[in-house]
Amino acid sequence: MNQSIQNRKAEILLKNRKNKIFEEYDKNKYCKVIDFSKDVVINLYSEYFKETIKTNNNIFTSKLQLDGLTSKNDIKNWILNNILIHTVDNNIISILYGEFGIKLELTSSEKFFSDELQKKIDSHIGLDYGYINENKYIMQIFSDEEHYVYEYLKKWDESNVSIR
């Protein structure tokens, strides 16, 4: 198949995926959609994920040990509690989807993140989750592994990185 046709198909698929995600969050009563995230936010997240988690996966902030008695709901509550330490109502966050991200203002942070995590449980896709809080200048990622759920938290100096 011609490369330009393949590129065009990929662009259409990406646009459709972006529109679907935009509409999903636009219907969410616990947040307001602001826009798609800037490339600098996507790059910041990608670099941190690649360097810290994939290369040096021992640099974590906290972890939850999983045993035979740890339920998905226990994991969800642990993640939710750790998120709510750093993120509150009216914070601006970006959630990344590979090559793009969506920027949201939270109207109810607890309900928003609880619903996000519950969707992952209901979809049986694991509880890997991450976001950037633009108000607090933090990036928080949770990695659901076989024996532990790891929390990675990075704060950055807002004078060095302009994300808005």
N, C-alpha and C. Protein backbone atom coordinates (compact mmCIF):
# COMPACT_ATOMS: atom_id res chain seq x y z
N MET A 1 0.85 -1.17 0.00
CA MET A 1 0.00 0.00 0.00
C MET A 1 0.90 1.24 0.00
N ASN A 2 0.49 2.25 -0.70
CA ASN A 2 1.22 3.49 -0.81
C ASN A 2 1.40 4.13 0.58
N GLN A 3 2.61 4.64 0.84
CA GLN A 3 2.94 5.22 2.14
C GLN A 3 2.04 6.41 2.47
N SER A 4 1.71 7.24 1.49
CA SER A 4 0.86 8.41 1.76
C SER A 4 -0.56 7.99 2.13
N ILE A 5 -1.03 6.91 1.55
CA ILE A 5 -2.36 6.39 1.90
C ILE A 5 -2.34 5.85 3.33
N GLN A 6 -1.28 5.14 3.68
CA GLN A 6 -1.14 4.62 5.05
C GLN A 6 -1.07 5.77 6.05
N ASN A 7 -0.32 6.81 5.70
CA ASN A 7 -0.22 7.98 6.60
C ASN A 7 -1.57 8.64 6.77
N ARG A 8 -2.31 8.77 5.69
CA ARG A 8 -3.63 9.42 5.75
C ARG A 8 -4.58 8.59 6.62
N LYS A 9 -4.55 7.27 6.46
CA LYS A 9 -5.40 6.40 7.29
C LYS A 9 -5.04 6.54 8.77
N ALA A 10 -3.74 6.60 9.06
CA ALA A 10 -3.29 6.76 10.44
C ALA A 10 -3.76 8.10 11.01
N GLU A 11 -3.70 9.16 10.20
CA GLU A 11 -4.18 10.48 10.63
C GLU A 11 -5.68 10.45 10.94
N ILE A 12 -6.44 9.78 10.09
CA ILE A 12 -7.89 9.69 10.29
C ILE A 12 -8.21 8.91 11.56
N LEU A 13 -7.51 7.79 11.78
CA LEU A 13 -7.72 6.99 12.99
C LEU A 13 -7.38 7.80 14.24
N LEU A 14 -6.28 8.55 14.19
CA LEU A 14 -5.89 9.38 15.33
C LEU A 14 -6.92 10.47 15.58
N LYS A 15 -7.38 11.11 14.53
CA LYS A 15 -8.39 12.17 14.68
C LYS A 15 -9.68 11.60 15.29
N ASN A 16 -10.11 10.44 14.81
CA ASN A 16 -11.31 9.80 15.35
C ASN A 16 -11.13 9.44 16.83
N ARG A 17 -9.95 8.94 17.17
CA ARG A 17 -9.67 8.57 18.57
C ARG A 17 -9.69 9.82 19.46
N LYS A 18 -9.07 10.90 18.96
CA LYS A 18 -9.05 12.16 19.72
C LYS A 18 -10.48 12.68 19.92
N ASN A 19 -11.28 12.65 18.87
CA ASN A 19 -12.66 13.13 18.98
C ASN A 19 -13.47 12.31 19.97
N LYS A 20 -13.28 10.99 19.93
CA LYS A 20 -14.01 10.11 20.84
C LYS A 20 -13.65 10.41 22.30
N ILE A 21 -12.37 10.56 22.57
CA ILE A 21 -11.92 10.84 23.94
C ILE A 21 -12.37 12.23 24.37
N PHE A 22 -12.29 13.21 23.48
CA PHE A 22 -12.76 14.56 23.78
C PHE A 22 -14.24 14.52 24.17
N GLU A 23 -15.05 13.83 23.38
CA GLU A 23 -16.49 13.73 23.66
C GLU A 23 -16.76 13.02 24.99
N GLU A 24 -15.99 11.98 25.27
CA GLU A 24 -16.16 11.23 26.52
C GLU A 24 -15.94 12.14 27.73
N TYR A 25 -14.87 12.92 27.70
CA TYR A 25 -14.60 13.82 28.82
C TYR A 25 -15.54 15.02 28.83
N ASP A 26 -15.98 15.43 27.66
CA ASP A 26 -16.92 16.56 27.58
C ASP A 26 -18.25 16.21 28.26
N LYS A 27 -18.62 14.94 28.26
CA LYS A 27 -19.86 14.47 28.90
C LYS A 27 -19.67 14.21 30.40
N ASN A 28 -18.43 14.20 30.87
CA ASN A 28 -18.13 13.88 32.27
C ASN A 28 -18.47 15.08 33.15
N LYS A 29 -19.36 14.89 34.11
CA LYS A 29 -19.81 16.01 34.95
C LYS A 29 -18.80 16.38 36.04
N TYR A 30 -17.72 15.62 36.16
CA TYR A 30 -16.72 15.89 37.18
C TYR A 30 -15.50 16.65 36.66
N CYS A 31 -15.57 17.07 35.39
CA CYS A 31 -14.47 17.85 34.82
C CYS A 31 -14.99 18.72 33.68
N LYS A 32 -14.18 19.70 33.32
CA LYS A 32 -14.46 20.54 32.15
C LYS A 32 -13.30 20.38 31.19
N VAL A 33 -13.60 20.12 29.93
CA VAL A 33 -12.55 19.99 28.93
C VAL A 33 -12.04 21.38 28.58
N ILE A 34 -10.73 21.55 28.62
CA ILE A 34 -10.13 22.82 28.23
C ILE A 34 -9.67 22.75 26.78
N ASP A 35 -8.87 21.74 26.46
CA ASP A 35 -8.33 21.60 25.11
C ASP A 35 -7.47 20.34 25.08
N PHE A 36 -6.84 20.12 23.95
CA PHE A 36 -5.83 19.07 23.89
C PHE A 36 -4.55 19.63 24.49
N SER A 37 -3.74 18.78 25.08
CA SER A 37 -2.51 19.20 25.75
C SER A 37 -1.46 19.63 24.74
N LYS A 38 -0.59 20.53 25.19
CA LYS A 38 0.52 20.99 24.37
C LYS A 38 1.56 19.88 24.23
N ASP A 39 2.33 19.94 23.15
CA ASP A 39 3.38 18.95 22.93
C ASP A 39 4.38 18.89 24.07
N VAL A 40 4.66 20.04 24.70
CA VAL A 40 5.63 20.06 25.80
C VAL A 40 5.16 19.18 26.95
N VAL A 41 3.87 19.13 27.20
CA VAL A 41 3.32 18.28 28.26
C VAL A 41 3.50 16.82 27.90
N ILE A 42 3.19 16.49 26.66
CA ILE A 42 3.33 15.11 26.19
C ILE A 42 4.79 14.67 26.27
N ASN A 43 5.69 15.54 25.84
CA ASN A 43 7.12 15.22 25.88
C ASN A 43 7.63 15.07 27.31
N LEU A 44 7.19 15.94 28.19
CA LEU A 44 7.58 15.88 29.60
C LEU A 44 7.19 14.53 30.20
N TYR A 45 5.97 14.13 29.96
CA TYR A 45 5.45 12.86 30.47
C TYR A 45 6.21 11.69 29.85
N SER A 46 6.38 11.72 28.54
CA SER A 46 7.04 10.62 27.83
C SER A 46 8.48 10.45 28.29
N GLU A 47 9.20 11.56 28.42
CA GLU A 47 10.59 11.48 28.86
C GLU A 47 10.69 10.92 30.28
N TYR A 48 9.84 11.40 31.16
CA TYR A 48 9.87 10.91 32.54
C TYR A 48 9.54 9.42 32.58
N PHE A 49 8.51 9.03 31.85
CA PHE A 49 8.10 7.63 31.82
C PHE A 49 9.23 6.75 31.29
N LYS A 50 9.81 7.16 30.19
CA LYS A 50 10.86 6.38 29.55
C LYS A 50 12.11 6.29 30.44
N GLU A 51 12.56 7.42 30.96
CA GLU A 51 13.80 7.45 31.73
C GLU A 51 13.64 6.84 33.11
N THR A 52 12.60 7.19 33.82
CA THR A 52 12.47 6.78 35.21
C THR A 52 11.86 5.40 35.37
N ILE A 53 10.79 5.16 34.66
CA ILE A 53 10.06 3.92 34.89
C ILE A 53 10.61 2.77 34.05
N LYS A 54 10.82 3.00 32.78
CA LYS A 54 11.29 1.92 31.91
C LYS A 54 12.76 1.59 32.15
N THR A 55 13.60 2.60 32.38
CA THR A 55 15.03 2.39 32.53
C THR A 55 15.43 2.10 33.97
N ASN A 56 14.93 2.90 34.91
CA ASN A 56 15.31 2.78 36.32
C ASN A 56 14.08 2.49 37.16
N ASN A 57 13.45 1.36 36.93
CA ASN A 57 12.16 1.10 37.56
C ASN A 57 12.21 0.95 39.08
N ASN A 58 13.35 1.17 39.68
CA ASN A 58 13.43 1.09 41.14
C ASN A 58 13.26 2.45 41.81
N ILE A 59 13.11 3.52 41.03
CA ILE A 59 12.96 4.87 41.60
C ILE A 59 11.48 5.18 41.73
N PHE A 60 10.87 4.70 42.78
CA PHE A 60 9.44 4.93 42.99
C PHE A 60 9.25 5.69 44.28
N THR A 61 8.08 6.31 44.42
CA THR A 61 7.76 7.10 45.61
C THR A 61 7.19 6.23 46.71
N SER A 62 6.27 5.36 46.34
CA SER A 62 5.68 4.43 47.30
C SER A 62 5.20 3.20 46.55
N LYS A 63 4.85 2.17 47.29
CA LYS A 63 4.37 0.95 46.65
C LYS A 63 3.37 0.26 47.56
N LEU A 64 2.48 -0.47 46.93
CA LEU A 64 1.50 -1.30 47.62
C LEU A 64 1.82 -2.74 47.28
N GLN A 65 2.09 -3.55 48.30
CA GLN A 65 2.37 -4.95 48.05
C GLN A 65 1.07 -5.69 47.82
N LEU A 66 1.06 -6.49 46.77
CA LEU A 66 -0.13 -7.26 46.42
C LEU A 66 0.03 -8.68 46.96
N ASP A 67 -1.01 -9.16 47.59
CA ASP A 67 -1.03 -10.55 48.02
C ASP A 67 -2.36 -11.14 47.57
N GLY A 68 -2.60 -12.34 47.90
CA GLY A 68 -3.83 -13.00 47.46
C GLY A 68 -5.10 -12.35 47.98
N LEU A 69 -4.98 -11.51 48.99
CA LEU A 69 -6.16 -10.88 49.59
C LEU A 69 -6.41 -9.45 49.09
N THR A 70 -5.48 -8.91 48.32
CA THR A 70 -5.62 -7.54 47.83
C THR A 70 -6.59 -7.52 46.64
N SER A 71 -7.69 -6.83 46.82
CA SER A 71 -8.69 -6.75 45.74
C SER A 71 -8.41 -5.56 44.83
N LYS A 72 -9.04 -5.56 43.67
CA LYS A 72 -8.93 -4.42 42.76
C LYS A 72 -9.46 -3.16 43.44
N ASN A 73 -10.47 -3.31 44.27
CA ASN A 73 -11.01 -2.16 44.98
C ASN A 73 -10.00 -1.61 46.00
N ASP A 74 -9.24 -2.50 46.65
CA ASP A 74 -8.18 -2.06 47.57
C ASP A 74 -7.12 -1.25 46.81
N ILE A 75 -6.75 -1.75 45.64
CA ILE A 75 -5.76 -1.06 44.82
C ILE A 75 -6.30 0.30 44.38
N LYS A 76 -7.54 0.30 43.92
CA LYS A 76 -8.18 1.55 43.50
C LYS A 76 -8.16 2.57 44.63
N ASN A 77 -8.53 2.16 45.83
CA ASN A 77 -8.57 3.08 46.97
C ASN A 77 -7.18 3.59 47.34
N TRP A 78 -6.17 2.74 47.24
CA TRP A 78 -4.80 3.16 47.52
C TRP A 78 -4.35 4.21 46.51
N ILE A 79 -4.60 3.94 45.23
CA ILE A 79 -4.24 4.91 44.19
C ILE A 79 -5.01 6.21 44.40
N LEU A 80 -6.31 6.11 44.62
CA LEU A 80 -7.14 7.29 44.80
C LEU A 80 -6.66 8.14 45.98
N ASN A 81 -6.35 7.50 47.10
CA ASN A 81 -5.85 8.24 48.26
C ASN A 81 -4.55 8.97 47.95
N ASN A 82 -3.66 8.33 47.21
CA ASN A 82 -2.39 8.96 46.84
C ASN A 82 -2.60 10.12 45.86
N ILE A 83 -3.54 9.98 44.96
CA ILE A 83 -3.84 11.08 44.03
C ILE A 83 -4.39 12.27 44.79
N LEU A 84 -5.31 12.02 45.71
CA LEU A 84 -5.99 13.12 46.41
C LEU A 84 -5.08 13.87 47.39
N ILE A 85 -3.93 13.33 47.69
CA ILE A 85 -2.94 14.06 48.48
C ILE A 85 -2.44 15.27 47.68
N HIS A 86 -2.37 15.13 46.37
CA HIS A 86 -1.75 16.14 45.51
C HIS A 86 -2.72 16.90 44.62
N THR A 87 -3.90 16.37 44.39
CA THR A 87 -4.79 16.94 43.39
C THR A 87 -6.16 17.20 43.99
N VAL A 88 -6.65 18.41 43.81
CA VAL A 88 -7.92 18.84 44.41
C VAL A 88 -8.82 19.45 43.34
N ASP A 89 -10.04 19.76 43.74
CA ASP A 89 -10.99 20.40 42.83
C ASP A 89 -10.38 21.67 42.24
N ASN A 90 -10.74 21.94 41.01
CA ASN A 90 -10.31 23.11 40.23
C ASN A 90 -8.87 23.03 39.74
N ASN A 91 -8.16 21.95 40.02
CA ASN A 91 -6.83 21.78 39.44
C ASN A 91 -6.97 21.49 37.96
N ILE A 92 -5.97 21.91 37.21
CA ILE A 92 -5.89 21.63 35.77
C ILE A 92 -4.96 20.43 35.62
N ILE A 93 -5.46 19.39 34.94
CA ILE A 93 -4.65 18.20 34.73
C ILE A 93 -4.60 17.87 33.24
N SER A 94 -3.59 17.11 32.87
CA SER A 94 -3.51 16.54 31.53
C SER A 94 -3.40 15.03 31.67
N ILE A 95 -4.21 14.35 30.89
CA ILE A 95 -4.15 12.89 30.83
C ILE A 95 -3.65 12.55 29.44
N LEU A 96 -2.62 11.71 29.37
CA LEU A 96 -1.97 11.42 28.11
C LEU A 96 -2.44 10.11 27.51
N TYR A 97 -2.56 10.13 26.20
CA TYR A 97 -2.97 8.96 25.42
C TYR A 97 -1.95 8.71 24.32
N GLY A 98 -0.72 8.44 24.69
CA GLY A 98 0.32 8.20 23.70
C GLY A 98 0.72 9.47 22.98
N GLU A 99 0.24 9.63 21.76
CA GLU A 99 0.67 10.75 20.93
C GLU A 99 -0.13 12.03 21.16
N PHE A 100 -1.08 12.04 22.06
CA PHE A 100 -1.82 13.26 22.39
C PHE A 100 -2.30 13.18 23.83
N GLY A 101 -2.71 14.31 24.34
CA GLY A 101 -3.25 14.37 25.69
C GLY A 101 -4.43 15.31 25.73
N ILE A 102 -5.20 15.24 26.80
CA ILE A 102 -6.35 16.12 26.95
C ILE A 102 -6.22 16.87 28.27
N LYS A 103 -6.49 18.16 28.20
CA LYS A 103 -6.35 19.05 29.36
C LYS A 103 -7.73 19.30 29.95
N LEU A 104 -7.85 19.07 31.27
CA LEU A 104 -9.13 19.14 31.96
C LEU A 104 -9.03 19.99 33.22
N GLU A 105 -10.14 20.62 33.57
CA GLU A 105 -10.25 21.25 34.89
C GLU A 105 -11.18 20.37 35.71
N LEU A 106 -10.72 19.97 36.88
CA LEU A 106 -11.50 19.07 37.72
C LEU A 106 -12.54 19.84 38.52
N THR A 107 -13.79 19.40 38.46
CA THR A 107 -14.84 20.00 39.29
C THR A 107 -15.05 19.19 40.56
N SER A 108 -14.78 17.89 40.48
CA SER A 108 -14.80 17.02 41.66
C SER A 108 -13.68 15.99 41.48
N SER A 109 -12.53 16.29 42.04
CA SER A 109 -11.36 15.43 41.80
C SER A 109 -11.58 14.01 42.32
N GLU A 110 -12.17 13.87 43.49
CA GLU A 110 -12.37 12.52 44.04
C GLU A 110 -13.28 11.68 43.15
N LYS A 111 -14.39 12.24 42.75
CA LYS A 111 -15.33 11.50 41.90
C LYS A 111 -14.74 11.25 40.51
N PHE A 112 -14.02 12.24 39.99
CA PHE A 112 -13.41 12.07 38.67
C PHE A 112 -12.44 10.89 38.67
N PHE A 113 -11.47 10.91 39.59
CA PHE A 113 -10.47 9.84 39.61
C PHE A 113 -11.06 8.50 40.02
N SER A 114 -12.04 8.50 40.90
CA SER A 114 -12.70 7.26 41.27
C SER A 114 -13.36 6.62 40.05
N ASP A 115 -14.04 7.43 39.26
CA ASP A 115 -14.67 6.92 38.03
C ASP A 115 -13.64 6.44 37.02
N GLU A 116 -12.54 7.20 36.87
CA GLU A 116 -11.48 6.82 35.93
C GLU A 116 -10.92 5.44 36.29
N LEU A 117 -10.63 5.25 37.56
CA LEU A 117 -10.06 3.98 38.01
C LEU A 117 -11.08 2.85 37.91
N GLN A 118 -12.34 3.15 38.20
CA GLN A 118 -13.37 2.12 38.10
C GLN A 118 -13.55 1.65 36.66
N LYS A 119 -13.44 2.57 35.70
CA LYS A 119 -13.52 2.19 34.28
C LYS A 119 -12.41 1.20 33.94
N LYS A 120 -11.23 1.41 34.48
CA LYS A 120 -10.12 0.49 34.22
C LYS A 120 -10.42 -0.89 34.82
N ILE A 121 -10.97 -0.91 36.03
CA ILE A 121 -11.33 -2.18 36.66
C ILE A 121 -12.40 -2.88 35.83
N ASP A 122 -13.43 -2.14 35.44
CA ASP A 122 -14.53 -2.73 34.67
C ASP A 122 -14.07 -3.24 33.30
N SER A 123 -13.05 -2.61 32.74
CA SER A 123 -12.54 -3.01 31.42
C SER A 123 -11.50 -4.12 31.51
N HIS A 124 -11.11 -4.48 32.73
CA HIS A 124 -10.11 -5.53 32.96
C HIS A 124 -8.79 -5.21 32.25
N ILE A 125 -8.38 -3.93 32.31
CA ILE A 125 -7.14 -3.55 31.63
C ILE A 125 -6.02 -3.20 32.60
N GLY A 126 -6.17 -3.50 33.85
CA GLY A 126 -5.15 -3.17 34.83
C GLY A 126 -5.33 -1.76 35.36
N LEU A 127 -4.55 -1.42 36.34
CA LEU A 127 -4.70 -0.12 36.98
C LEU A 127 -3.48 0.77 36.77
N ASP A 128 -2.83 0.66 35.63
CA ASP A 128 -1.79 1.63 35.27
C ASP A 128 -2.50 2.94 35.00
N TYR A 129 -1.98 4.02 35.60
CA TYR A 129 -2.64 5.32 35.44
C TYR A 129 -1.63 6.44 35.67
N GLY A 130 -1.80 7.52 34.96
CA GLY A 130 -0.92 8.66 35.15
C GLY A 130 -1.56 9.94 34.66
N TYR A 131 -1.07 11.04 35.19
CA TYR A 131 -1.57 12.36 34.80
C TYR A 131 -0.54 13.41 35.21
N ILE A 132 -0.72 14.60 34.69
CA ILE A 132 0.09 15.76 35.07
C ILE A 132 -0.84 16.78 35.70
N ASN A 133 -0.46 17.27 36.87
CA ASN A 133 -1.21 18.33 37.53
C ASN A 133 -0.48 19.64 37.24
N GLU A 134 -1.09 20.48 36.42
CA GLU A 134 -0.43 21.70 35.98
C GLU A 134 -0.42 22.78 37.05
N ASN A 135 -1.30 22.70 38.03
CA ASN A 135 -1.31 23.68 39.12
C ASN A 135 -0.20 23.39 40.14
N LYS A 136 0.03 22.12 40.40
CA LYS A 136 0.99 21.72 41.43
C LYS A 136 2.36 21.36 40.85
N TYR A 137 2.47 21.38 39.52
CA TYR A 137 3.72 21.03 38.83
C TYR A 137 4.21 19.65 39.23
N ILE A 138 3.30 18.70 39.15
CA ILE A 138 3.67 17.32 39.44
C ILE A 138 3.17 16.39 38.34
N MET A 139 3.84 15.28 38.26
CA MET A 139 3.45 14.19 37.39
C MET A 139 3.35 12.97 38.30
N GLN A 140 2.23 12.26 38.23
CA GLN A 140 2.02 11.11 39.10
C GLN A 140 1.61 9.94 38.22
N ILE A 141 2.35 8.85 38.36
CA ILE A 141 2.11 7.65 37.55
C ILE A 141 2.02 6.45 38.49
N PHE A 142 1.07 5.58 38.22
CA PHE A 142 0.91 4.34 38.97
C PHE A 142 1.10 3.19 38.00
N SER A 143 1.92 2.23 38.40
CA SER A 143 2.23 1.08 37.57
C SER A 143 1.80 -0.19 38.30
N ASP A 144 0.85 -0.90 37.73
CA ASP A 144 0.26 -2.10 38.30
C ASP A 144 1.07 -3.31 37.83
N GLU A 145 1.94 -3.82 38.70
CA GLU A 145 2.80 -4.95 38.35
C GLU A 145 2.29 -6.22 39.03
N GLU A 146 3.03 -7.30 38.90
CA GLU A 146 2.57 -8.59 39.41
C GLU A 146 2.47 -8.63 40.94
N HIS A 147 3.48 -8.11 41.64
CA HIS A 147 3.50 -8.21 43.09
C HIS A 147 3.32 -6.88 43.81
N TYR A 148 3.40 -5.79 43.08
CA TYR A 148 3.29 -4.45 43.67
C TYR A 148 2.56 -3.51 42.72
N VAL A 149 1.99 -2.45 43.29
CA VAL A 149 1.58 -1.29 42.51
C VAL A 149 2.52 -0.18 42.95
N TYR A 150 3.22 0.40 41.99
CA TYR A 150 4.19 1.44 42.29
C TYR A 150 3.62 2.82 41.99
N GLU A 151 3.97 3.77 42.84
CA GLU A 151 3.64 5.16 42.59
C GLU A 151 4.94 5.89 42.25
N TYR A 152 4.92 6.63 41.16
CA TYR A 152 6.03 7.48 40.76
C TYR A 152 5.52 8.92 40.79
N LEU A 153 6.25 9.78 41.46
CA LEU A 153 5.83 11.18 41.58
C LEU A 153 7.02 12.06 41.24
N LYS A 154 6.81 12.97 40.32
CA LYS A 154 7.87 13.90 39.95
C LYS A 154 7.33 15.32 40.07
N LYS A 155 8.08 16.15 40.77
CA LYS A 155 7.78 17.58 40.83
C LYS A 155 8.84 18.27 39.98
N TRP A 156 8.45 19.35 39.33
CA TRP A 156 9.44 20.09 38.56
C TRP A 156 9.33 21.57 38.86
N ASP A 157 10.42 22.25 38.60
CA ASP A 157 10.51 23.70 38.82
C ASP A 157 9.77 24.39 37.68
N GLU A 158 8.71 25.10 38.04
CA GLU A 158 7.88 25.74 37.01
C GLU A 158 8.64 26.78 36.20
N SER A 159 9.75 27.30 36.72
CA SER A 159 10.53 28.28 35.96
C SER A 159 11.31 27.62 34.82
N ASN A 160 11.53 26.30 34.92
CA ASN A 160 12.27 25.58 33.89
C ASN A 160 11.39 25.01 32.79
N VAL A 161 10.12 24.76 33.09
CA VAL A 161 9.23 24.12 32.13
C VAL A 161 7.93 24.91 32.06
N SER A 162 7.64 25.46 30.91
CA SER A 162 6.39 26.19 30.71
C SER A 162 5.40 25.26 30.01
N ILE A 163 4.34 24.88 30.70
CA ILE A 163 3.39 23.93 30.13
C ILE A 163 2.07 24.57 29.76
N ARG A 164 1.88 25.81 30.09
CA ARG A 164 0.60 26.46 29.82
C ARG A 164 0.62 27.26 28.56
